Protein backbone atom coordinates (compact mmCIF):
# COMPACT_ATOMS: atom_id res chain seq x y z
CA UNK A 1 -16.54 14.45 21.41
CA UNK A 2 -15.71 18.12 21.82
CA UNK A 3 -12.46 19.94 21.41
CA UNK A 4 -12.18 20.10 25.31
CA UNK A 5 -12.61 16.74 26.08
CA UNK A 6 -10.34 15.51 22.34
CA UNK A 7 -7.74 18.13 24.02
CA UNK A 8 -8.07 16.03 27.50
CA UNK A 9 -7.34 13.67 26.08
CA UNK A 10 -4.47 13.82 24.34
CA UNK A 11 -3.01 15.63 27.08
CA UNK A 12 -3.36 12.27 29.06
CA UNK A 13 -1.84 10.28 25.82
CA UNK A 14 1.31 12.68 26.23
CA UNK A 15 2.16 12.40 29.15
CA UNK A 16 3.69 9.27 29.74
CA UNK A 17 6.37 9.72 26.54
CA UNK A 18 7.56 12.45 27.26
CA UNK A 19 8.98 12.47 31.04
CA UNK A 20 12.36 12.84 29.78
CA UNK A 21 12.39 15.13 26.61
CA UNK A 22 12.32 18.03 28.29
CA UNK A 23 15.60 17.41 30.02
CA UNK A 24 17.71 15.67 27.58
CA UNK A 25 18.35 14.83 23.64
CA UNK A 26 17.84 11.61 22.31
CA UNK A 27 19.15 8.83 24.03
CA UNK A 28 20.81 5.23 22.62
CA UNK A 29 17.50 4.19 23.08
CA UNK A 30 16.06 6.29 21.37
CA UNK A 31 17.88 6.57 18.42
CA UNK A 32 17.32 2.70 17.54
CA UNK A 33 13.70 3.26 16.99
CA UNK A 34 12.46 3.28 13.47
CA UNK A 35 9.26 5.00 14.36
CA UNK A 36 8.30 8.20 16.28
CA UNK A 37 5.50 7.93 18.86
CA UNK A 38 2.25 8.09 17.63
CA UNK A 39 3.73 8.52 13.72
CA UNK A 40 0.86 8.31 11.65
CA UNK A 41 2.50 6.75 8.72
CA UNK A 42 3.53 3.88 10.75
CA UNK A 43 2.48 1.04 9.27
CA UNK A 44 -1.51 -0.45 10.58
CA UNK A 45 -1.86 -3.90 12.39
CA UNK A 46 -3.34 -6.36 10.01
CA UNK A 47 -6.34 -7.15 10.68
CA UNK A 48 -7.69 -10.89 12.79
CA UNK A 49 -11.15 -12.06 12.79
CA UNK A 50 -11.37 -13.66 15.97
CA UNK A 51 -13.32 -16.49 17.07
CA UNK A 52 -16.92 -15.91 18.77
CA UNK A 53 -15.88 -18.39 21.60
CA UNK A 54 -12.88 -18.10 23.95
CA UNK A 55 -10.86 -21.20 22.84
CA UNK A 56 -12.17 -21.57 19.41
CA UNK A 57 -9.62 -20.66 16.13
CA UNK A 58 -9.27 -17.05 15.04
CA UNK A 59 -9.57 -16.49 11.06
CA UNK A 60 -6.02 -17.11 10.51
CA UNK A 61 -4.91 -20.36 12.51
CA UNK A 62 -4.32 -23.59 10.75
CA UNK A 63 -6.36 -25.79 12.49
CA UNK A 64 -4.15 -29.09 12.71
CA UNK A 65 -7.35 -31.66 14.64
CA UNK A 66 -10.73 -29.94 14.32
CA UNK A 67 -12.38 -33.50 16.07
CA UNK A 68 -13.30 -34.99 12.20
CA UNK A 69 -10.45 -36.25 11.22
CA UNK A 70 -6.54 -37.58 11.34
CA UNK A 71 -5.73 -36.26 7.66
CA UNK A 72 -3.05 -34.01 9.15
CA UNK A 73 -0.99 -36.78 10.90
CA UNK A 74 1.07 -39.73 10.25
CA UNK A 75 2.65 -41.73 11.88
CA UNK A 76 6.49 -41.28 12.82
CA UNK A 77 7.67 -43.59 9.96
CA UNK A 78 4.88 -41.96 7.75
CA UNK A 79 2.52 -44.27 7.31
CA UNK A 80 -1.72 -43.10 8.32
CA UNK A 81 -1.67 -42.35 11.86
CA UNK A 82 -2.67 -45.01 13.65
CA UNK A 83 -4.25 -43.03 17.27
CA UNK A 84 -8.29 -42.92 16.75
CA UNK A 85 -11.39 -41.01 16.23
CA UNK A 86 -13.75 -40.41 18.70
CA UNK A 87 -16.62 -38.10 19.40
CA UNK A 88 -14.50 -34.53 18.73
CA UNK A 89 -11.67 -36.09 19.79
CA UNK A 90 -8.76 -38.09 18.57
CA UNK A 91 -7.19 -40.66 21.84
CA UNK A 92 -3.42 -42.03 21.44
CA UNK A 93 -3.42 -46.09 21.11
CA UNK A 94 -1.13 -47.36 23.77
CA UNK A 95 1.68 -48.82 21.16
CA UNK A 96 0.99 -46.93 18.55
CA UNK A 97 3.41 -44.69 18.95
CA UNK A 98 3.15 -40.80 18.31
CA UNK A 99 2.09 -38.95 15.88
CA UNK A 100 3.55 -36.13 13.78
CA UNK A 101 1.93 -33.87 11.90
CA UNK A 102 2.25 -33.06 8.26
CA UNK A 103 2.50 -29.40 8.22
CA UNK A 104 5.64 -27.79 9.56
CA UNK A 105 6.09 -24.80 11.88
CA UNK A 106 8.45 -22.67 13.55
CA UNK A 107 7.24 -19.51 15.64
CA UNK A 108 3.98 -20.20 16.98
CA UNK A 109 0.75 -19.23 18.51
CA UNK A 110 -0.63 -22.78 19.84
CA UNK A 111 -3.78 -24.09 21.23
CA UNK A 112 -5.07 -27.23 22.17
CA UNK A 113 -7.28 -29.14 24.77
CA UNK A 114 -6.09 -32.15 26.56
CA UNK A 115 -7.88 -34.99 29.00
CA UNK A 116 -6.08 -37.77 30.89
CA UNK A 117 -8.17 -41.18 31.53
CA UNK A 118 -11.18 -41.60 34.43
CA UNK A 119 -10.59 -42.55 36.73
CA UNK A 120 -6.78 -42.31 37.30
CA UNK A 121 -4.87 -45.08 37.46
CA UNK A 122 -0.83 -45.72 38.55
CA UNK A 123 0.43 -42.75 40.17
CA UNK A 124 4.02 -40.04 39.37
CA UNK A 125 4.90 -40.96 36.27
CA UNK A 126 2.36 -43.63 35.24
CA UNK A 127 -1.04 -41.61 35.46
CA UNK A 128 -2.26 -39.82 32.31
CA UNK A 129 1.22 -38.96 30.91
CA UNK A 130 1.22 -37.75 27.20
CA UNK A 131 3.72 -34.89 25.83
CA UNK A 132 2.95 -31.70 23.01
CA UNK A 133 6.45 -31.39 21.22
CA UNK A 134 7.06 -28.91 19.78
CA UNK A 135 9.34 -29.21 16.74
CA UNK A 136 8.85 -32.18 17.32
CA UNK A 137 12.08 -31.32 20.35
CA UNK A 138 10.47 -29.05 23.69
CA UNK A 139 8.03 -30.81 25.37
CA UNK A 140 5.01 -29.66 26.78
CA UNK A 141 4.35 -32.72 29.67
CA UNK A 142 1.09 -33.58 29.40
CA UNK A 143 0.17 -35.43 32.85
CA UNK A 144 -2.77 -36.40 35.32
CA UNK A 145 -0.94 -34.12 37.57
CA UNK A 146 -4.48 -33.78 40.16
CA UNK A 147 -3.91 -35.26 43.42
CA UNK A 148 -0.31 -37.22 42.09
CA UNK A 149 2.60 -36.69 43.22
CA UNK A 150 5.75 -36.67 40.94
CA UNK A 151 9.02 -34.60 40.21
CA UNK A 152 8.42 -30.43 39.68
CA UNK A 153 10.13 -30.75 35.82
CA UNK A 154 7.57 -33.82 35.53
CA UNK A 155 4.34 -32.59 35.82
CA UNK A 156 1.42 -30.96 34.22
CA UNK A 157 2.95 -28.29 32.15
CA UNK A 158 6.90 -28.65 32.95
CA UNK A 159 9.30 -27.88 29.75
CA UNK A 160 9.72 -31.56 30.75
CA UNK A 161 13.37 -32.49 33.19
CA UNK A 162 13.90 -28.69 32.39
CA UNK A 163 11.18 -26.01 34.20
CA UNK A 164 8.54 -26.61 36.54
CA UNK A 165 5.51 -24.49 35.92
CA UNK A 166 4.59 -22.16 37.81
CA UNK A 167 2.02 -23.25 39.77
CA UNK A 168 -0.23 -26.03 39.63
CA UNK A 169 -3.72 -25.42 38.06
CA UNK A 170 -4.21 -29.63 36.75
CA UNK A 171 -8.11 -29.85 36.70
CA UNK A 172 -9.91 -33.56 38.31
CA UNK A 173 -8.90 -36.94 35.50
CA UNK A 174 -11.05 -37.21 32.86
CA UNK A 175 -12.32 -33.42 32.72
CA UNK A 176 -10.39 -31.01 29.37
CA UNK A 177 -7.77 -28.75 30.06
CA UNK A 178 -5.51 -26.07 27.15
CA UNK A 179 -2.92 -24.64 26.74
CA UNK A 180 -2.68 -21.49 25.29
CA UNK A 181 1.46 -21.44 24.07
CA UNK A 182 3.55 -18.24 22.63
CA UNK A 183 7.15 -20.21 21.12
CA UNK A 184 9.77 -18.89 19.66
CA UNK A 185 12.18 -21.25 17.82
CA UNK A 186 15.65 -21.12 18.55
CA UNK A 187 18.42 -19.05 16.05
CA UNK A 188 21.35 -20.45 15.00
CA UNK A 189 23.64 -18.52 12.96
CA UNK A 190 25.31 -19.44 9.28
CA UNK A 191 27.63 -21.53 11.15
CA UNK A 192 25.10 -23.89 12.92
CA UNK A 193 25.80 -21.93 16.81
CA UNK A 194 23.21 -21.18 18.69
CA UNK A 195 22.06 -17.28 18.32
CA UNK A 196 19.02 -17.14 20.79
CA UNK A 197 17.85 -19.81 22.46
CA UNK A 198 14.02 -21.54 22.59
CA UNK A 199 11.37 -19.44 24.26
CA UNK A 200 7.89 -20.76 25.80
CA UNK A 201 5.51 -19.09 27.97
CA UNK A 202 2.60 -21.49 28.85
CA UNK A 203 -1.28 -20.82 30.16
CA UNK A 204 -3.00 -24.14 31.47
CA UNK A 205 -6.45 -23.74 32.20
CA UNK A 206 -5.89 -19.89 31.35
CA UNK A 207 -3.03 -19.80 34.45
CA UNK A 208 -0.05 -18.36 33.58
CA UNK A 209 2.61 -21.58 33.71
CA UNK A 210 5.93 -20.46 32.10
CA UNK A 211 6.59 -16.56 32.11
CA UNK A 212 9.02 -16.33 28.91
CA UNK A 213 10.97 -19.81 29.71
CA UNK A 214 14.04 -19.81 28.07
CA UNK A 215 14.93 -24.30 27.14
CA UNK A 216 18.26 -25.08 27.70
CA UNK A 217 18.46 -27.09 24.64
CA UNK A 218 15.92 -30.56 23.51
CA UNK A 219 13.29 -32.00 26.35
CA UNK A 220 14.68 -35.46 27.03
CA UNK A 221 14.19 -37.74 30.29
CA UNK A 222 17.22 -38.04 32.80
CA UNK A 223 19.26 -34.91 30.91
CA UNK A 224 19.05 -32.21 29.14
CA UNK A 225 20.23 -32.63 25.32
CA UNK A 226 22.69 -29.24 23.45
CA UNK A 227 21.34 -27.37 21.09
CA UNK A 228 22.01 -28.58 17.64
CA UNK A 229 21.02 -26.87 14.17
CA UNK A 230 17.83 -27.60 12.91
CA UNK A 231 15.26 -26.51 10.38
CA UNK A 232 13.59 -23.19 11.04
CA UNK A 233 9.93 -24.97 10.97
CA UNK A 234 9.56 -28.73 12.56
CA UNK A 235 6.21 -30.59 12.44
CA UNK A 236 4.42 -30.92 16.59
CA UNK A 237 4.94 -35.17 17.84
CA UNK A 238 1.97 -35.89 20.25
CA UNK A 239 2.92 -38.31 22.42
CA UNK A 240 2.43 -41.79 22.67
CA UNK A 241 3.35 -42.97 26.91
CA UNK A 242 0.98 -45.99 26.82
CA UNK A 243 -1.80 -44.07 28.51
CA UNK A 244 -4.97 -43.34 26.58
CA UNK A 245 -5.38 -39.43 27.04
CA UNK A 246 -7.51 -37.65 24.14
CA UNK A 247 -6.97 -34.94 22.30
CA UNK A 248 -9.04 -31.98 20.72
CA UNK A 249 -9.37 -28.26 19.37
CA UNK A 250 -5.22 -28.38 18.30
CA UNK A 251 -4.44 -25.08 16.57
CA UNK A 252 -2.08 -22.71 15.92
CA UNK A 253 -1.34 -18.97 14.43
CA UNK A 254 2.39 -19.39 12.75
CA UNK A 255 4.59 -16.16 14.08
CA UNK A 256 6.22 -13.90 12.00
CA UNK A 257 9.68 -13.37 13.12
CA UNK A 258 10.82 -10.29 16.35
CA UNK A 259 9.51 -7.16 14.20
CA UNK A 260 12.40 -5.90 12.13
CA UNK A 261 10.81 -2.39 10.92
CA UNK A 262 10.68 -1.71 14.36
CA UNK A 263 14.12 -0.71 15.26
CA UNK A 264 16.09 1.07 12.89
CA UNK A 265 17.86 4.10 12.08
CA UNK A 266 15.07 6.42 12.07
CA UNK A 267 15.13 8.71 8.62
CA UNK A 268 17.56 11.33 8.90
CA UNK A 269 16.89 14.67 9.28
CA UNK A 270 18.79 17.94 7.82
CA UNK A 271 20.76 19.73 10.75
CA UNK A 272 20.08 23.18 11.05
CA UNK A 273 21.49 25.74 13.91
CA UNK A 274 18.65 28.63 14.47
CA UNK A 275 20.67 31.69 16.28
CA UNK A 276 19.85 31.83 19.65
CA UNK A 277 18.03 35.09 19.61
CA UNK A 278 15.25 33.85 17.04
CA UNK A 279 14.42 30.96 19.21
CA UNK A 280 13.55 33.39 21.95
CA UNK A 281 10.76 35.57 19.21
CA UNK A 282 8.71 32.25 19.90
CA UNK A 283 9.02 32.18 23.34
CA UNK A 284 5.28 32.87 24.42
CA UNK A 285 1.92 31.97 24.76
CA UNK A 286 -0.59 30.51 21.89
CA UNK A 287 -4.22 30.13 22.02
CA UNK A 288 -7.54 32.02 21.47
CA UNK A 289 -8.85 35.37 23.52
CA UNK A 290 -10.32 32.87 25.46
CA UNK A 291 -7.61 29.49 25.91
CA UNK A 292 -4.00 28.83 26.44
CA UNK A 293 -3.07 26.63 23.55
CA UNK A 294 0.47 25.91 23.65
CA UNK A 295 3.22 27.71 25.62
CA UNK A 296 6.46 27.88 23.81
CA UNK A 297 10.16 28.00 26.16
CA UNK A 298 14.10 28.11 25.84
CA UNK A 299 16.19 26.41 27.34
CA UNK A 300 20.03 27.72 25.67
CA UNK A 301 19.56 26.77 22.55
CA UNK A 302 17.07 23.81 22.26
CA UNK A 303 13.27 25.39 22.76
CA UNK A 304 10.56 23.66 23.93
CA UNK A 305 6.64 23.63 23.39
CA UNK A 306 3.53 22.76 25.79
CA UNK A 307 0.81 21.84 23.64
CA UNK A 308 -2.46 21.67 24.25
CA UNK A 309 -1.42 21.49 28.35
CA UNK A 310 0.09 18.52 28.51
CA UNK A 311 1.91 19.90 31.49
CA UNK A 312 5.46 18.43 30.46
CA UNK A 313 7.48 20.57 28.07
CA UNK A 314 8.47 18.47 24.97
CA UNK A 315 11.66 19.14 22.22
CA UNK A 316 11.72 20.65 19.25
CA UNK A 317 14.33 20.16 16.26
CA UNK A 318 14.73 23.14 14.00
CA UNK A 319 13.87 21.59 10.20
CA UNK A 320 14.08 25.57 8.92
CA UNK A 321 13.68 29.33 10.46
CA UNK A 322 10.44 28.60 11.32
CA UNK A 323 9.15 24.84 10.67
CA UNK A 324 10.13 22.67 13.98
CA UNK A 325 9.52 18.38 14.48
CA UNK A 326 9.02 16.92 17.74
CA UNK A 327 12.15 15.71 19.01
CA UNK A 328 10.36 11.99 20.07
CA UNK A 329 6.64 12.81 18.76
CA UNK A 330 5.82 12.24 15.29
CA UNK A 331 4.05 16.21 14.37
CA UNK A 332 5.57 19.30 14.02
CA UNK A 333 5.32 22.65 14.61
CA UNK A 334 4.99 25.45 11.86
CA UNK A 335 5.16 29.49 13.51
CA UNK A 336 4.10 32.37 11.02
CA UNK A 337 6.03 35.60 11.16
CA UNK A 338 5.90 39.02 10.10
CA UNK A 339 8.89 41.28 10.35
CA UNK A 340 10.14 38.74 12.27
CA UNK A 341 8.31 38.82 14.69
CA UNK A 342 5.79 35.11 14.69
CA UNK A 343 2.07 36.04 14.77
CA UNK A 344 0.53 32.06 14.99
CA UNK A 345 1.52 28.71 15.69
CA UNK A 346 0.44 25.97 13.61
CA UNK A 347 0.85 22.23 16.17
CA UNK A 348 0.26 18.72 14.22
CA UNK A 349 0.54 15.77 16.60
CA UNK A 350 -1.59 13.01 17.30
CA UNK A 351 -3.47 13.31 14.36
CA UNK A 352 -5.20 16.69 15.62
CA UNK A 353 -4.04 20.37 14.27
CA UNK A 354 -4.34 23.68 15.61
CA UNK A 355 -3.68 27.53 14.03
CA UNK A 356 -3.64 29.86 17.23
CA UNK A 357 -2.09 33.17 17.76
CA UNK A 358 0.19 34.35 19.84
CA UNK A 359 -0.94 36.37 22.77
CA UNK A 360 0.69 39.47 23.45
């Protein structure tokens, strides 16, 4: 990539981050962020190997059911799961009761596929009924909702008894369907008081049906249960509702708590007042005989720079009489002076470093 294309790319990337930089100092919102924009010291995300096919388990997933064994599940009383294995799927046995995962989870990304009996038999809630319970308490309804009328908060992809799905994305009876879920468990303080409720985002067959929906408490039939303090990790439960519903390809990715290193005060920087007369000396255009690289301006006792034809000036914070850091962006600007007058500037930002002279 040429320098010209690189500068253009950086300029475009920087435009959105400085709409208010030229007009205002750090806001309370800015002050609550640990990292400046484009900070090269910011930890990079860990690598996860994606699955070769959409819906398959990625490299860091915990596979709860792969179609080969029920070893990861038990009956509610701890005895072996009494559901049956078929060709790559497990199926409820009416009257056998629910099954419970041996492993426990809290915050997760989850994927599970399911299918109701074909042909469909019954109507309303008595038609291909089951459920996927996160932490054994918070149910996503499984139901044959293809041309089957029932109460809205009890159809497929509802958070049972609480939130109907945004749309009905159901497939016909017998066809495999999928739920892709992001679940955030509830938080409680040391006294057991609810701090934040559970939330779910759900895609049913690839269609968004629950958008960060807040659960009012554990789901239940005919009523809403209040929150009660429970463990941070609990098993999944798959419901037996007396219908031969099938499940396959069930995997989860345990999620960390919402990032905490993204918040908190930034590293303290020394406060330094540079006389206005000194700041005024830096004002001007920097570049080569044929290229304008940066323009430095002053507004009262504040210095700004427009690097790489960024268009919107970025405010600078003095670290010394000649060295400045960007207010909201990771990077620095350092002036070289001779006889008290600037001769050149070195700009370091967004992985770029450029030293150019001050134009007459």
